[in-house]
Every structure is written in C-alpha cells, then in structure tokens.
Amino acid sequence: MTGGEAYKAKLLTDDALDAAITAYLADPSKPVALEIAGKSLDVAAAVLANTYSTEVLAREDGTPGQRRQAVKTAILLAPV
C-alpha cells in the first residue's frame, strides 16, 4: 500500500497529511513520521526516495506551494 492508497481509503486524513508536511518543511532535520494503519511512514525517507521532490526542494527559487506539493507527492507515492 502507498500513502496515496491509504489516503483514498481514508486511513490517512487531510489533517494528518497537512501536519506532517508542515512539520517536515519547518525543520527537515527533525524526524517526522505518519502513523498509517499501524505502520509508520518516515517523511524524510519518503522525500529522499523521490527524485522529483528532492529536485524541487533543492531549488532556491521554489515557492512555498511548490515545496508543500513536493513533500505531499513524496508521501503519497511512498510505500507504507
């Protein structure tokens, strides 16, 4: 199951997803984990595993919206 599949199945809520994105962007060096169906998703690992997300977050001119979407994409595509 991926984060996106968990989201569609309502195992991952909008609030939990938003909180994880906000926490990660506030300080990527701090651990952020999402609990989904009894499993834990490491947000930093999800971002690092996603080429698109790492490229967007490395850009100096990336907008806050682009950065949020990059982290969200990584979470939704990550295996849980």
PDB file of N, CA and C in Angstrom:
ATOM      1  N   MET A   1       0.845  -1.174   0.000  1.00  0.00           N
ATOM      2  CA  MET A   1       0.000   0.000   0.000  1.00  0.00           C
ATOM      3  C   MET A   1       0.895   1.245   0.000  1.00  0.00           C
ATOM      4  N   THR A   2       0.494   2.241  -0.756  1.00  0.00           N
ATOM      5  CA  THR A   2       1.210   3.515  -0.778  1.00  0.00           C
ATOM      6  C   THR A   2       0.466   4.532   0.095  1.00  0.00           C
ATOM      7  N   GLY A   3       1.119   5.661   0.338  1.00  0.00           N
ATOM      8  CA  GLY A   3       0.453   6.733   1.068  1.00  0.00           C
ATOM      9  C   GLY A   3      -0.797   7.191   0.344  1.00  0.00           C
ATOM     10  N   GLY A   4      -0.754   7.225  -0.977  1.00  0.00           N
ATOM     11  CA  GLY A   4      -1.911   7.633  -1.772  1.00  0.00           C
ATOM     12  C   GLY A   4      -3.066   6.658  -1.638  1.00  0.00           C
ATOM     13  N   GLU A   5      -2.759   5.384  -1.629  1.00  0.00           N
ATOM     14  CA  GLU A   5      -3.803   4.377  -1.444  1.00  0.00           C
ATOM     15  C   GLU A   5      -4.409   4.482  -0.044  1.00  0.00           C
ATOM     16  N   ALA A   6      -3.566   4.739   0.944  1.00  0.00           N
ATOM     17  CA  ALA A   6      -4.054   4.931   2.314  1.00  0.00           C
ATOM     18  C   ALA A   6      -4.926   6.180   2.401  1.00  0.00           C
ATOM     19  N   TYR A   7      -4.548   7.202   1.671  1.00  0.00           N
ATOM     20  CA  TYR A   7      -5.330   8.446   1.640  1.00  0.00           C
ATOM     21  C   TYR A   7      -6.705   8.193   1.019  1.00  0.00           C
ATOM     22  N   LYS A   8      -6.736   7.494  -0.089  1.00  0.00           N
ATOM     23  CA  LYS A   8      -8.007   7.170  -0.752  1.00  0.00           C
ATOM     24  C   LYS A   8      -8.896   6.306   0.133  1.00  0.00           C
ATOM     25  N   ALA A   9      -8.276   5.428   0.909  1.00  0.00           N
ATOM     26  CA  ALA A   9      -9.026   4.544   1.800  1.00  0.00           C
ATOM     27  C   ALA A   9      -9.374   5.232   3.121  1.00  0.00           C
ATOM     28  N   LYS A  10      -9.024   6.505   3.227  1.00  0.00           N
ATOM     29  CA  LYS A  10      -9.309   7.311   4.425  1.00  0.00           C
ATOM     30  C   LYS A  10      -8.556   6.834   5.655  1.00  0.00           C
ATOM     31  N   LEU A  11      -7.434   6.139   5.446  1.00  0.00           N
ATOM     32  CA  LEU A  11      -6.561   5.745   6.546  1.00  0.00           C
ATOM     33  C   LEU A  11      -5.583   6.865   6.876  1.00  0.00           C
ATOM     34  N   LEU A  12      -5.426   7.801   5.952  1.00  0.00           N
ATOM     35  CA  LEU A  12      -4.583   8.986   6.115  1.00  0.00           C
ATOM     36  C   LEU A  12      -5.488  10.192   5.894  1.00  0.00           C
ATOM     37  N   THR A  13      -5.622  11.015   6.920  1.00  0.00           N
ATOM     38  CA  THR A  13      -6.532  12.159   6.840  1.00  0.00           C
ATOM     39  C   THR A  13      -5.821  13.394   6.282  1.00  0.00           C
ATOM     40  N   ASP A  14      -6.625  14.343   5.827  1.00  0.00           N
ATOM     41  CA  ASP A  14      -6.077  15.621   5.362  1.00  0.00           C
ATOM     42  C   ASP A  14      -5.299  16.316   6.472  1.00  0.00           C
ATOM     43  N   ASP A  15      -5.851  16.288   7.684  1.00  0.00           N
ATOM     44  CA  ASP A  15      -5.192  16.952   8.815  1.00  0.00           C
ATOM     45  C   ASP A  15      -3.833  16.329   9.123  1.00  0.00           C
ATOM     46  N   ALA A  16      -3.771  15.005   9.140  1.00  0.00           N
ATOM     47  CA  ALA A  16      -2.512  14.319   9.421  1.00  0.00           C
ATOM     48  C   ALA A  16      -1.491  14.590   8.316  1.00  0.00           C
ATOM     49  N   LEU A  17      -1.939  14.566   7.072  1.00  0.00           N
ATOM     50  CA  LEU A  17      -1.061  14.828   5.941  1.00  0.00           C
ATOM     51  C   LEU A  17      -0.529  16.260   6.005  1.00  0.00           C
ATOM     52  N   ASP A  18      -1.419  17.216   6.247  1.00  0.00           N
ATOM     53  CA  ASP A  18      -1.015  18.617   6.337  1.00  0.00           C
ATOM     54  C   ASP A  18      -0.040  18.846   7.495  1.00  0.00           C
ATOM     55  N   ALA A  19      -0.303  18.233   8.630  1.00  0.00           N
ATOM     56  CA  ALA A  19       0.576  18.392   9.788  1.00  0.00           C
ATOM     57  C   ALA A  19       1.972  17.833   9.506  1.00  0.00           C
ATOM     58  N   ALA A  20       2.035  16.691   8.837  1.00  0.00           N
ATOM     59  CA  ALA A  20       3.331  16.085   8.516  1.00  0.00           C
ATOM     60  C   ALA A  20       4.110  16.950   7.532  1.00  0.00           C
ATOM     61  N   ILE A  21       3.435  17.491   6.537  1.00  0.00           N
ATOM     62  CA  ILE A  21       4.091  18.362   5.557  1.00  0.00           C
ATOM     63  C   ILE A  21       4.624  19.613   6.244  1.00  0.00           C
ATOM     64  N   THR A  22       3.789  20.238   7.072  1.00  0.00           N
ATOM     65  CA  THR A  22       4.186  21.453   7.781  1.00  0.00           C
ATOM     66  C   THR A  22       5.375  21.186   8.694  1.00  0.00           C
ATOM     67  N   ALA A  23       5.325  20.097   9.441  1.00  0.00           N
ATOM     68  CA  ALA A  23       6.414  19.757  10.358  1.00  0.00           C
ATOM     69  C   ALA A  23       7.712  19.493   9.604  1.00  0.00           C
ATOM     70  N   TYR A  24       7.635  18.757   8.507  1.00  0.00           N
ATOM     71  CA  TYR A  24       8.841  18.470   7.723  1.00  0.00           C
ATOM     72  C   TYR A  24       9.444  19.746   7.162  1.00  0.00           C
ATOM     73  N   LEU A  25       8.624  20.603   6.585  1.00  0.00           N
ATOM     74  CA  LEU A  25       9.145  21.832   5.987  1.00  0.00           C
ATOM     75  C   LEU A  25       9.678  22.808   7.035  1.00  0.00           C
ATOM     76  N   ALA A  26       9.139  22.768   8.242  1.00  0.00           N
ATOM     77  CA  ALA A  26       9.616  23.649   9.313  1.00  0.00           C
ATOM     78  C   ALA A  26      11.044  23.294   9.711  1.00  0.00           C
ATOM     79  N   ASP A  27      11.359  21.999   9.722  1.00  0.00           N
ATOM     80  CA  ASP A  27      12.710  21.559  10.074  1.00  0.00           C
ATOM     81  C   ASP A  27      12.940  20.152   9.548  1.00  0.00           C
ATOM     82  N   PRO A  28      13.496  20.047   8.334  1.00  0.00           N
ATOM     83  CA  PRO A  28      13.706  18.725   7.732  1.00  0.00           C
ATOM     84  C   PRO A  28      14.664  17.829   8.514  1.00  0.00           C
ATOM     85  N   SER A  29      15.449  18.403   9.429  1.00  0.00           N
ATOM     86  CA  SER A  29      16.384  17.583  10.194  1.00  0.00           C
ATOM     87  C   SER A  29      15.713  16.849  11.354  1.00  0.00           C
ATOM     88  N   LYS A  30      14.504  17.268  11.731  1.00  0.00           N
ATOM     89  CA  LYS A  30      13.775  16.597  12.809  1.00  0.00           C
ATOM     90  C   LYS A  30      12.951  15.450  12.241  1.00  0.00           C
ATOM     91  N   PRO A  31      12.894  14.340  12.973  1.00  0.00           N
ATOM     92  CA  PRO A  31      12.099  13.205  12.474  1.00  0.00           C
ATOM     93  C   PRO A  31      10.610  13.524  12.445  1.00  0.00           C
ATOM     94  N   VAL A  32       9.986  13.177  11.334  1.00  0.00           N
ATOM     95  CA  VAL A  32       8.536  13.303  11.188  1.00  0.00           C
ATOM     96  C   VAL A  32       8.041  11.966  10.660  1.00  0.00           C
ATOM     97  N   ALA A  33       7.080  11.393  11.373  1.00  0.00           N
ATOM     98  CA  ALA A  33       6.532  10.103  10.964  1.00  0.00           C
ATOM     99  C   ALA A  33       5.017  10.186  10.921  1.00  0.00           C
ATOM    100  N   LEU A  34       4.450   9.536   9.960  1.00  0.00           N
ATOM    101  CA  LEU A  34       2.998   9.410   9.841  1.00  0.00           C
ATOM    102  C   LEU A  34       2.622   7.991  10.241  1.00  0.00           C
ATOM    103  N   GLU A  35       1.668   7.865  11.130  1.00  0.00           N
ATOM    104  CA  GLU A  35       1.156   6.546  11.513  1.00  0.00           C
ATOM    105  C   GLU A  35      -0.037   6.232  10.607  1.00  0.00           C
ATOM    106  N   ILE A  36       0.083   5.170   9.846  1.00  0.00           N
ATOM    107  CA  ILE A  36      -0.962   4.779   8.897  1.00  0.00           C
ATOM    108  C   ILE A  36      -1.228   3.287   9.056  1.00  0.00           C
ATOM    109  N   ALA A  37      -2.418   2.968   9.473  1.00  0.00           N
ATOM    110  CA  ALA A  37      -2.852   1.569   9.598  1.00  0.00           C
ATOM    111  C   ALA A  37      -1.858   0.731  10.403  1.00  0.00           C
ATOM    112  N   GLY A  38      -1.377   1.293  11.501  1.00  0.00           N
ATOM    113  CA  GLY A  38      -0.457   0.566  12.364  1.00  0.00           C
ATOM    114  C   GLY A  38       0.977   0.545  11.888  1.00  0.00           C
ATOM    115  N   LYS A  39       1.258   1.235  10.809  1.00  0.00           N
ATOM    116  CA  LYS A  39       2.625   1.304  10.280  1.00  0.00           C
ATOM    117  C   LYS A  39       3.091   2.746  10.313  1.00  0.00           C
ATOM    118  N   SER A  40       4.390   2.950  10.246  1.00  0.00           N
ATOM    119  CA  SER A  40       4.966   4.285  10.313  1.00  0.00           C
ATOM    120  C   SER A  40       5.633   4.638   8.988  1.00  0.00           C
ATOM    121  N   LEU A  41       5.368   5.836   8.513  1.00  0.00           N
ATOM    122  CA  LEU A  41       5.985   6.330   7.281  1.00  0.00           C
ATOM    123  C   LEU A  41       6.919   7.470   7.662  1.00  0.00           C
ATOM    124  N   ASP A  42       8.206   7.304   7.394  1.00  0.00           N
ATOM    125  CA  ASP A  42       9.221   8.328   7.656  1.00  0.00           C
ATOM    126  C   ASP A  42       9.171   9.342   6.504  1.00  0.00           C
ATOM    127  N   VAL A  43       8.757  10.560   6.815  1.00  0.00           N
ATOM    128  CA  VAL A  43       8.568  11.577   5.773  1.00  0.00           C
ATOM    129  C   VAL A  43       9.895  11.936   5.106  1.00  0.00           C
ATOM    130  N   ALA A  44      10.962  12.094   5.881  1.00  0.00           N
ATOM    131  CA  ALA A  44      12.265  12.434   5.299  1.00  0.00           C
ATOM    132  C   ALA A  44      12.740  11.350   4.337  1.00  0.00           C
ATOM    133  N   ALA A  45      12.553  10.093   4.711  1.00  0.00           N
ATOM    134  CA  ALA A  45      12.952   8.987   3.831  1.00  0.00           C
ATOM    135  C   ALA A  45      12.121   8.990   2.554  1.00  0.00           C
ATOM    136  N   ALA A  46      10.831   9.298   2.689  1.00  0.00           N
ATOM    137  CA  ALA A  46       9.957   9.359   1.512  1.00  0.00           C
ATOM    138  C   ALA A  46      10.418  10.459   0.561  1.00  0.00           C
ATOM    139  N   VAL A  47      10.773  11.604   1.115  1.00  0.00           N
ATOM    140  CA  VAL A  47      11.241  12.722   0.286  1.00  0.00           C
ATOM    141  C   VAL A  47      12.551  12.356  -0.402  1.00  0.00           C
ATOM    142  N   LEU A  48      13.483  11.789   0.344  1.00  0.00           N
ATOM    143  CA  LEU A  48      14.782  11.430  -0.238  1.00  0.00           C
ATOM    144  C   LEU A  48      14.662  10.349  -1.306  1.00  0.00           C
ATOM    145  N   ALA A  49      13.664   9.506  -1.202  1.00  0.00           N
ATOM    146  CA  ALA A  49      13.471   8.435  -2.181  1.00  0.00           C
ATOM    147  C   ALA A  49      12.781   8.915  -3.456  1.00  0.00           C
ATOM    148  N   ASN A  50      12.268  10.131  -3.438  1.00  0.00           N
ATOM    149  CA  ASN A  50      11.522  10.652  -4.578  1.00  0.00           C
ATOM    150  C   ASN A  50      12.352  11.719  -5.299  1.00  0.00           C
ATOM    151  N   THR A  51      12.794  11.410  -6.499  1.00  0.00           N
ATOM    152  CA  THR A  51      13.670  12.308  -7.257  1.00  0.00           C
ATOM    153  C   THR A  51      13.022  13.669  -7.498  1.00  0.00           C
ATOM    154  N   TYR A  52      11.761  13.679  -7.892  1.00  0.00           N
ATOM    155  CA  TYR A  52      11.061  14.945  -8.142  1.00  0.00           C
ATOM    156  C   TYR A  52      11.079  15.822  -6.893  1.00  0.00           C
ATOM    157  N   SER A  53      10.751  15.236  -5.768  1.00  0.00           N
ATOM    158  CA  SER A  53      10.669  16.006  -4.523  1.00  0.00           C
ATOM    159  C   SER A  53      12.023  16.571  -4.123  1.00  0.00           C
ATOM    160  N   THR A  54      13.065  15.772  -4.231  1.00  0.00           N
ATOM    161  CA  THR A  54      14.393  16.272  -3.857  1.00  0.00           C
ATOM    162  C   THR A  54      14.837  17.398  -4.788  1.00  0.00           C
ATOM    163  N   GLU A  55      14.494  17.296  -6.072  1.00  0.00           N
ATOM    164  CA  GLU A  55      14.861  18.355  -7.014  1.00  0.00           C
ATOM    165  C   GLU A  55      14.118  19.655  -6.697  1.00  0.00           C
ATOM    166  N   VAL A  56      12.833  19.573  -6.426  1.00  0.00           N
ATOM    167  CA  VAL A  56      12.044  20.768  -6.120  1.00  0.00           C
ATOM    168  C   VAL A  56      12.534  21.409  -4.824  1.00  0.00           C
ATOM    169  N   LEU A  57      12.787  20.608  -3.809  1.00  0.00           N
ATOM    170  CA  LEU A  57      13.220  21.152  -2.529  1.00  0.00           C
ATOM    171  C   LEU A  57      14.634  21.723  -2.582  1.00  0.00           C
ATOM    172  N   ALA A  58      15.438  21.299  -3.547  1.00  0.00           N
ATOM    173  CA  ALA A  58      16.801  21.819  -3.688  1.00  0.00           C
ATOM    174  C   ALA A  58      16.832  23.179  -4.395  1.00  0.00           C
ATOM    175  N   ARG A  59      15.764  23.530  -5.071  1.00  0.00           N
ATOM    176  CA  ARG A  59      15.715  24.807  -5.790  1.00  0.00           C
ATOM    177  C   ARG A  59      15.655  25.984  -4.810  1.00  0.00           C
ATOM    178  N   GLU A  60      16.474  26.963  -5.036  1.00  0.00           N
ATOM    179  CA  GLU A  60      16.445  28.158  -4.187  1.00  0.00           C
ATOM    180  C   GLU A  60      15.229  29.019  -4.491  1.00  0.00           C
ATOM    181  N   ASP A  61      14.720  28.947  -5.712  1.00  0.00           N
ATOM    182  CA  ASP A  61      13.592  29.797  -6.102  1.00  0.00           C
ATOM    183  C   ASP A  61      12.241  29.078  -6.006  1.00  0.00           C
ATOM    184  N   GLY A  62      12.209  27.938  -5.338  1.00  0.00           N
ATOM    185  CA  GLY A  62      10.946  27.205  -5.193  1.00  0.00           C
ATOM    186  C   GLY A  62       9.978  27.958  -4.295  1.00  0.00           C
ATOM    187  N   THR A  63       8.734  28.017  -4.715  1.00  0.00           N
ATOM    188  CA  THR A  63       7.719  28.712  -3.921  1.00  0.00           C
ATOM    189  C   THR A  63       7.267  27.814  -2.769  1.00  0.00           C
ATOM    190  N   PRO A  64       6.668  28.400  -1.736  1.00  0.00           N
ATOM    191  CA  PRO A  64       6.143  27.563  -0.650  1.00  0.00           C
ATOM    192  C   PRO A  64       5.139  26.518  -1.148  1.00  0.00           C
ATOM    193  N   GLY A  65       4.310  26.880  -2.100  1.00  0.00           N
ATOM    194  CA  GLY A  65       3.344  25.937  -2.653  1.00  0.00           C
ATOM    195  C   GLY A  65       4.020  24.776  -3.366  1.00  0.00           C
ATOM    196  N   GLN A  66       5.064  25.068  -4.121  1.00  0.00           N
ATOM    197  CA  GLN A  66       5.800  24.014  -4.817  1.00  0.00           C
ATOM    198  C   GLN A  66       6.472  23.077  -3.813  1.00  0.00           C
ATOM    199  N   ARG A  67       7.022  23.659  -2.756  1.00  0.00           N
ATOM    200  CA  ARG A  67       7.691  22.859  -1.734  1.00  0.00           C
ATOM    201  C   ARG A  67       6.687  21.944  -1.014  1.00  0.00           C
ATOM    202  N   ARG A  68       5.517  22.480  -0.663  1.00  0.00           N
ATOM    203  CA  ARG A  68       4.484  21.679   0.000  1.00  0.00           C
ATOM    204  C   ARG A  68       4.029  20.534  -0.917  1.00  0.00           C
ATOM    205  N   GLN A  69       3.818  20.863  -2.188  1.00  0.00           N
ATOM    206  CA  GLN A  69       3.361  19.841  -3.137  1.00  0.00           C
ATOM    207  C   GLN A  69       4.420  18.763  -3.334  1.00  0.00           C
ATOM    208  N   ALA A  70       5.681  19.132  -3.314  1.00  0.00           N
ATOM    209  CA  ALA A  70       6.755  18.154  -3.473  1.00  0.00           C
ATOM    210  C   ALA A  70       6.764  17.162  -2.312  1.00  0.00           C
ATOM    211  N   VAL A  71       6.596  17.662  -1.096  1.00  0.00           N
ATOM    212  CA  VAL A  71       6.564  16.773   0.071  1.00  0.00           C
ATOM    213  C   VAL A  71       5.305  15.905   0.033  1.00  0.00           C
ATOM    214  N   LYS A  72       4.184  16.501  -0.327  1.00  0.00           N
ATOM    215  CA  LYS A  72       2.926  15.743  -0.422  1.00  0.00           C
ATOM    216  C   LYS A  72       3.060  14.620  -1.457  1.00  0.00           C
ATOM    217  N   THR A  73       3.653  14.921  -2.589  1.00  0.00           N
ATOM    218  CA  THR A  73       3.862  13.914  -3.633  1.00  0.00           C
ATOM    219  C   THR A  73       4.686  12.762  -3.109  1.00  0.00           C
ATOM    220  N   ALA A  74       5.774  13.077  -2.403  1.00  0.00           N
ATOM    221  CA  ALA A  74       6.640  12.034  -1.855  1.00  0.00           C
ATOM    222  C   ALA A  74       5.875  11.134  -0.887  1.00  0.00           C
ATOM    223  N   ILE A  75       5.065  11.740  -0.032  1.00  0.00           N
ATOM    224  CA  ILE A  75       4.288  10.963   0.940  1.00  0.00           C
ATOM    225  C   ILE A  75       3.272  10.068   0.240  1.00  0.00           C
ATOM    226  N   LEU A  76       2.563  10.614  -0.724  1.00  0.00           N
ATOM    227  CA  LEU A  76       1.516   9.851  -1.386  1.00  0.00           C
ATOM    228  C   LEU A  76       2.057   8.715  -2.253  1.00  0.00           C
ATOM    229  N   LEU A  77       3.277   8.857  -2.736  1.00  0.00           N
ATOM    230  CA  LEU A  77       3.863   7.816  -3.577  1.00  0.00           C
ATOM    231  C   LEU A  77       4.665   6.784  -2.776  1.00  0.00           C
ATOM    232  N   ALA A  78       4.959   7.089  -1.513  1.00  0.00           N
ATOM    233  CA  ALA A  78       5.788   6.217  -0.696  1.00  0.00           C
ATOM    234  C   ALA A  78       5.045   4.957  -0.260  1.00  0.00           C
ATOM    235  N   PRO A  79       5.755   3.842  -0.218  1.00  0.00           N
ATOM    236  CA  PRO A  79       5.128   2.628   0.314  1.00  0.00           C
ATOM    237  C   PRO A  79       4.974   2.742   1.835  1.00  0.00           C
ATOM    238  N   VAL A  80       3.889   2.205   2.322  1.00  0.00           N
ATOM    239  CA  VAL A  80       3.625   2.228   3.769  1.00  0.00           C
ATOM    240  C   VAL A  80       3.819   0.832   4.323  1.00  0.00           C
TER     241      VAL A  80
END
